Amino acid sequence: MSELVALAAAAVAGVALGAAFFAGLWWTVRKGLGAQRPALWFFGSLMLRSGLAAAGFYLVGRGHWERMAACLAGFAAARWFMTARFGESARHAP
């Protein structure tokens, strides 16, 4: 039973990581397009978001591929949700 709880916690952590990653991407696109140096915004954001996501996956996984897979499933679910929630409104934004 404790392994099931660990898998559920890993999935929830994956959702949190995914939400942070994709919210950061959304924020970067909104701010970066009007910046004087957009390449710096996009590159810095990519490094920060990827580093945090990789560190989160490493800490959640702790050498267990099952936890890593649950975290990845949560990350993908967050991507799906963010795209479904903000994808249509982003297409119509100025």
Protein backbone atom coordinates (compact mmCIF):
# COMPACT_ATOMS: atom_id res chain seq x y z
CA MET A 1 0.00 0.00 0.00
CA SER A 2 2.83 2.41 0.73
CA GLU A 3 4.14 1.97 -2.83
CA LEU A 4 0.76 3.03 -4.17
CA VAL A 5 0.93 6.16 -2.02
CA ALA A 6 4.44 6.85 -3.32
CA LEU A 7 3.25 6.49 -6.91
CA ALA A 8 0.32 8.82 -6.29
CA ALA A 9 2.63 11.36 -4.67
CA ALA A 10 4.99 11.09 -7.65
CA ALA A 11 2.11 11.72 -10.05
CA VAL A 12 1.01 14.77 -8.05
CA ALA A 13 4.59 16.03 -8.03
CA GLY A 14 4.68 15.53 -11.81
CA VAL A 15 1.53 17.62 -12.20
CA ALA A 16 3.11 20.37 -10.07
CA LEU A 17 6.35 20.25 -12.06
CA GLY A 18 4.45 20.32 -15.35
CA ALA A 19 2.25 23.19 -14.23
CA ALA A 20 5.29 25.21 -13.18
CA PHE A 21 7.16 24.36 -16.40
CA PHE A 22 4.34 25.28 -18.76
CA ALA A 23 3.21 28.31 -16.76
CA GLY A 24 6.80 29.53 -16.96
CA LEU A 25 6.79 28.94 -20.69
CA TRP A 26 3.54 30.87 -21.07
CA TRP A 27 4.91 33.75 -18.99
CA THR A 28 8.16 33.77 -20.99
CA VAL A 29 6.37 33.99 -24.30
CA ARG A 30 4.19 36.85 -23.05
CA LYS A 31 7.16 38.82 -21.65
CA GLY A 32 9.83 37.74 -24.11
CA LEU A 33 8.11 38.86 -27.28
CA GLY A 34 8.18 42.49 -26.16
CA ALA A 35 11.65 42.42 -24.62
CA GLN A 36 14.70 44.16 -26.06
CA ARG A 37 16.66 40.89 -25.93
CA PRO A 38 14.11 38.12 -26.47
CA ALA A 39 16.75 35.45 -27.09
CA LEU A 40 18.12 36.02 -23.60
CA TRP A 41 14.63 35.67 -22.10
CA PHE A 42 13.88 32.48 -23.99
CA PHE A 43 17.26 30.85 -23.40
CA GLY A 44 17.36 31.79 -19.72
CA SER A 45 13.82 30.56 -19.23
CA LEU A 46 14.57 27.29 -21.00
CA MET A 47 17.60 26.64 -18.82
CA LEU A 48 15.77 27.51 -15.61
CA ARG A 49 12.60 25.55 -16.40
CA SER A 50 14.50 22.51 -17.68
CA GLY A 51 16.85 22.52 -14.73
CA LEU A 52 14.03 22.70 -12.22
CA ALA A 53 12.05 19.98 -13.99
CA ALA A 54 15.09 17.68 -14.22
CA ALA A 55 15.94 18.25 -10.56
CA GLY A 56 12.34 17.58 -9.60
CA PHE A 57 12.26 14.35 -11.60
CA TYR A 58 15.53 13.27 -10.00
CA LEU A 59 14.26 13.94 -6.49
CA VAL A 60 10.90 12.29 -7.10
CA GLY A 61 12.33 9.23 -8.85
CA ARG A 62 14.99 8.36 -6.28
CA GLY A 63 16.15 5.42 -8.36
CA HIS A 64 12.68 3.91 -8.88
CA TRP A 65 11.57 3.81 -12.49
CA GLU A 66 7.93 3.39 -11.42
CA ARG A 67 7.96 6.70 -9.57
CA MET A 68 9.71 8.35 -12.49
CA ALA A 69 7.03 7.02 -14.85
CA ALA A 70 4.25 8.28 -12.55
CA CYS A 71 5.93 11.68 -12.39
CA LEU A 72 6.18 11.75 -16.18
CA ALA A 73 2.49 10.84 -16.48
CA GLY A 74 1.63 13.73 -14.16
CA PHE A 75 3.86 16.07 -16.16
CA ALA A 76 2.11 15.02 -19.38
CA ALA A 77 -1.29 15.49 -17.75
CA ALA A 78 -0.30 19.02 -16.74
CA ARG A 79 0.77 19.70 -20.33
CA TRP A 80 -2.56 18.44 -21.63
CA PHE A 81 -4.48 20.54 -19.10
CA MET A 82 -2.48 23.71 -19.76
CA THR A 83 -2.87 23.29 -23.51
CA ALA A 84 -6.60 22.64 -23.19
CA ARG A 85 -7.06 25.56 -20.79
CA PHE A 86 -4.82 28.19 -22.36
CA GLY A 87 -4.26 26.91 -25.89
CA GLU A 88 -7.39 28.38 -27.45
CA SER A 89 -7.14 31.72 -25.65
CA ALA A 90 -3.46 31.99 -26.59
CA ARG A 91 -4.31 31.60 -30.28
CA HIS A 92 -6.60 34.63 -30.10
CA ALA A 93 -4.34 36.81 -27.98
CA PRO A 94 -2.76 39.86 -29.61
